[in-house]
Amino acid sequence: MQPGTEAKSERIDLRTTASAKRVLQEAASARHKTVTEFVLDVALAEAATVLAGQRLFSLDAAQWAAFQAALDAPTTRRPRLEALLREPSVFE
């Protein structure tokens, strides 16, 4: 299925004040949408923004060079970590 053509099978319930509902109704009307369409569109747009902030980051040229240098740098031995990883897991 294409995005947006998926069958709607889930429900989100929320409670609000009468004044907040009126504002949402007015905004939805201004966009020629139902309140449900308006709230879902706005919520999904904000969710995409929040998630993009968790998944993407921007670096200038100097920061990118420093990032690459850190990735390319040789690893440092960690004897205590190596010993820990040789021990049997508590899940085994």
C-alpha atoms as a PDB file:
ATOM      1  CA  MET A   1       0.000   0.000   0.000  1.00  0.00           C
ATOM      2  CA  GLN A   2       1.117   3.534  -0.685  1.00  0.00           C
ATOM      3  CA  PRO A   3       1.478   5.862   2.315  1.00  0.00           C
ATOM      4  CA  GLY A   4      -1.869   7.468   2.991  1.00  0.00           C
ATOM      5  CA  THR A   5      -3.799   4.568   1.434  1.00  0.00           C
ATOM      6  CA  GLU A   6      -3.388   2.275   4.429  1.00  0.00           C
ATOM      7  CA  ALA A   7      -6.704   1.252   5.984  1.00  0.00           C
ATOM      8  CA  LYS A   8      -7.529   3.224   9.105  1.00  0.00           C
ATOM      9  CA  SER A   9      -7.833   0.738  11.925  1.00  0.00           C
ATOM     10  CA  GLU A  10      -6.399   2.593  14.914  1.00  0.00           C
ATOM     11  CA  ARG A  11      -8.031   5.196  17.107  1.00  0.00           C
ATOM     12  CA  ILE A  12      -6.566   8.055  19.149  1.00  0.00           C
ATOM     13  CA  ASP A  13      -8.808   9.559  21.797  1.00  0.00           C
ATOM     14  CA  LEU A  14      -8.095  12.857  23.495  1.00  0.00           C
ATOM     15  CA  ARG A  15      -9.875  15.193  25.827  1.00  0.00           C
ATOM     16  CA  THR A  16      -9.684  18.946  25.588  1.00  0.00           C
ATOM     17  CA  THR A  17     -11.366  22.087  26.809  1.00  0.00           C
ATOM     18  CA  ALA A  18     -14.267  23.673  24.987  1.00  0.00           C
ATOM     19  CA  SER A  19     -12.137  26.663  24.050  1.00  0.00           C
ATOM     20  CA  ALA A  20      -9.339  24.487  22.632  1.00  0.00           C
ATOM     21  CA  LYS A  21     -11.909  22.542  20.612  1.00  0.00           C
ATOM     22  CA  ARG A  22     -13.326  25.784  19.193  1.00  0.00           C
ATOM     23  CA  VAL A  23      -9.854  26.917  18.124  1.00  0.00           C
ATOM     24  CA  LEU A  24      -9.218  23.562  16.426  1.00  0.00           C
ATOM     25  CA  GLN A  25     -12.595  23.716  14.688  1.00  0.00           C
ATOM     26  CA  GLU A  26     -11.890  27.234  13.405  1.00  0.00           C
ATOM     27  CA  ALA A  27      -8.430  26.281  12.176  1.00  0.00           C
ATOM     28  CA  ALA A  28      -9.743  23.126  10.516  1.00  0.00           C
ATOM     29  CA  SER A  29     -12.500  25.125   8.833  1.00  0.00           C
ATOM     30  CA  ALA A  30      -9.951  27.654   7.552  1.00  0.00           C
ATOM     31  CA  ARG A  31      -8.073  24.775   5.901  1.00  0.00           C
ATOM     32  CA  HIS A  32     -11.298  23.159   4.596  1.00  0.00           C
ATOM     33  CA  LYS A  33     -10.656  20.045   6.666  1.00  0.00           C
ATOM     34  CA  THR A  34     -12.387  18.153   9.399  1.00  0.00           C
ATOM     35  CA  VAL A  35     -11.009  18.544  12.906  1.00  0.00           C
ATOM     36  CA  THR A  36      -9.704  14.989  12.705  1.00  0.00           C
ATOM     37  CA  GLU A  37      -7.896  15.654   9.413  1.00  0.00           C
ATOM     38  CA  PHE A  38      -6.480  18.919  10.719  1.00  0.00           C
ATOM     39  CA  VAL A  39      -5.254  17.507  14.038  1.00  0.00           C
ATOM     40  CA  LEU A  40      -3.752  14.432  12.378  1.00  0.00           C
ATOM     41  CA  ASP A  41      -1.975  16.481   9.680  1.00  0.00           C
ATOM     42  CA  VAL A  42      -0.503  18.906  12.210  1.00  0.00           C
ATOM     43  CA  ALA A  43       0.473  16.140  14.633  1.00  0.00           C
ATOM     44  CA  LEU A  44       2.180  14.087  11.906  1.00  0.00           C
ATOM     45  CA  ALA A  45       4.088  17.127  10.633  1.00  0.00           C
ATOM     46  CA  GLU A  46       5.332  17.880  14.147  1.00  0.00           C
ATOM     47  CA  ALA A  47       6.207  14.207  14.711  1.00  0.00           C
ATOM     48  CA  ALA A  48       8.300  14.225  11.529  1.00  0.00           C
ATOM     49  CA  THR A  49      10.123  17.336  12.755  1.00  0.00           C
ATOM     50  CA  VAL A  50      10.811  15.815  16.168  1.00  0.00           C
ATOM     51  CA  LEU A  51      12.028  12.533  14.682  1.00  0.00           C
ATOM     52  CA  ALA A  52      14.211  14.296  12.126  1.00  0.00           C
ATOM     53  CA  GLY A  53      15.946  16.008  15.022  1.00  0.00           C
ATOM     54  CA  GLN A  54      16.708  12.585  16.428  1.00  0.00           C
ATOM     55  CA  ARG A  55      17.929  11.081  13.160  1.00  0.00           C
ATOM     56  CA  LEU A  56      19.660  13.888  11.271  1.00  0.00           C
ATOM     57  CA  PHE A  57      22.335  16.358  12.182  1.00  0.00           C
ATOM     58  CA  SER A  58      24.236  18.980  10.230  1.00  0.00           C
ATOM     59  CA  LEU A  59      27.935  19.741  10.449  1.00  0.00           C
ATOM     60  CA  ASP A  60      29.983  22.483   8.897  1.00  0.00           C
ATOM     61  CA  ALA A  61      33.213  21.561   7.064  1.00  0.00           C
ATOM     62  CA  ALA A  62      35.408  21.761  10.180  1.00  0.00           C
ATOM     63  CA  GLN A  63      32.990  19.727  12.279  1.00  0.00           C
ATOM     64  CA  TRP A  64      32.684  17.136   9.499  1.00  0.00           C
ATOM     65  CA  ALA A  65      36.475  16.816   9.297  1.00  0.00           C
ATOM     66  CA  ALA A  66      36.697  16.352  13.076  1.00  0.00           C
ATOM     67  CA  PHE A  67      33.897  13.760  12.955  1.00  0.00           C
ATOM     68  CA  GLN A  68      35.649  11.809  10.199  1.00  0.00           C
ATOM     69  CA  ALA A  69      38.961  11.992  12.073  1.00  0.00           C
ATOM     70  CA  ALA A  70      37.287  10.575  15.175  1.00  0.00           C
ATOM     71  CA  LEU A  71      35.802   7.719  13.139  1.00  0.00           C
ATOM     72  CA  ASP A  72      39.147   7.001  11.460  1.00  0.00           C
ATOM     73  CA  ALA A  73      41.203   7.171  14.659  1.00  0.00           C
ATOM     74  CA  PRO A  74      42.558   3.855  15.947  1.00  0.00           C
ATOM     75  CA  THR A  75      40.655   2.311  18.810  1.00  0.00           C
ATOM     76  CA  THR A  76      41.965   2.410  22.342  1.00  0.00           C
ATOM     77  CA  ARG A  77      42.355  -0.908  24.165  1.00  0.00           C
ATOM     78  CA  ARG A  78      40.089  -1.240  27.148  1.00  0.00           C
ATOM     79  CA  PRO A  79      41.387  -4.227  29.167  1.00  0.00           C
ATOM     80  CA  ARG A  80      38.576  -4.133  31.741  1.00  0.00           C
ATOM     81  CA  LEU A  81      35.944  -4.087  28.994  1.00  0.00           C
ATOM     82  CA  GLU A  82      37.707  -6.949  27.192  1.00  0.00           C
ATOM     83  CA  ALA A  83      37.701  -8.975  30.436  1.00  0.00           C
ATOM     84  CA  LEU A  84      34.015  -8.243  30.985  1.00  0.00           C
ATOM     85  CA  LEU A  85      33.137  -9.399  27.477  1.00  0.00           C
ATOM     86  CA  ARG A  86      34.987 -12.681  28.043  1.00  0.00           C
ATOM     87  CA  GLU A  87      32.805 -13.494  31.059  1.00  0.00           C
ATOM     88  CA  PRO A  88      29.639 -15.553  30.570  1.00  0.00           C
ATOM     89  CA  SER A  89      26.503 -13.471  30.164  1.00  0.00           C
ATOM     90  CA  VAL A  90      23.938 -13.393  32.960  1.00  0.00           C
ATOM     91  CA  PHE A  91      21.439 -14.387  30.240  1.00  0.00           C
ATOM     92  CA  GLU A  92      23.263 -17.629  29.394  1.00  0.00           C
END
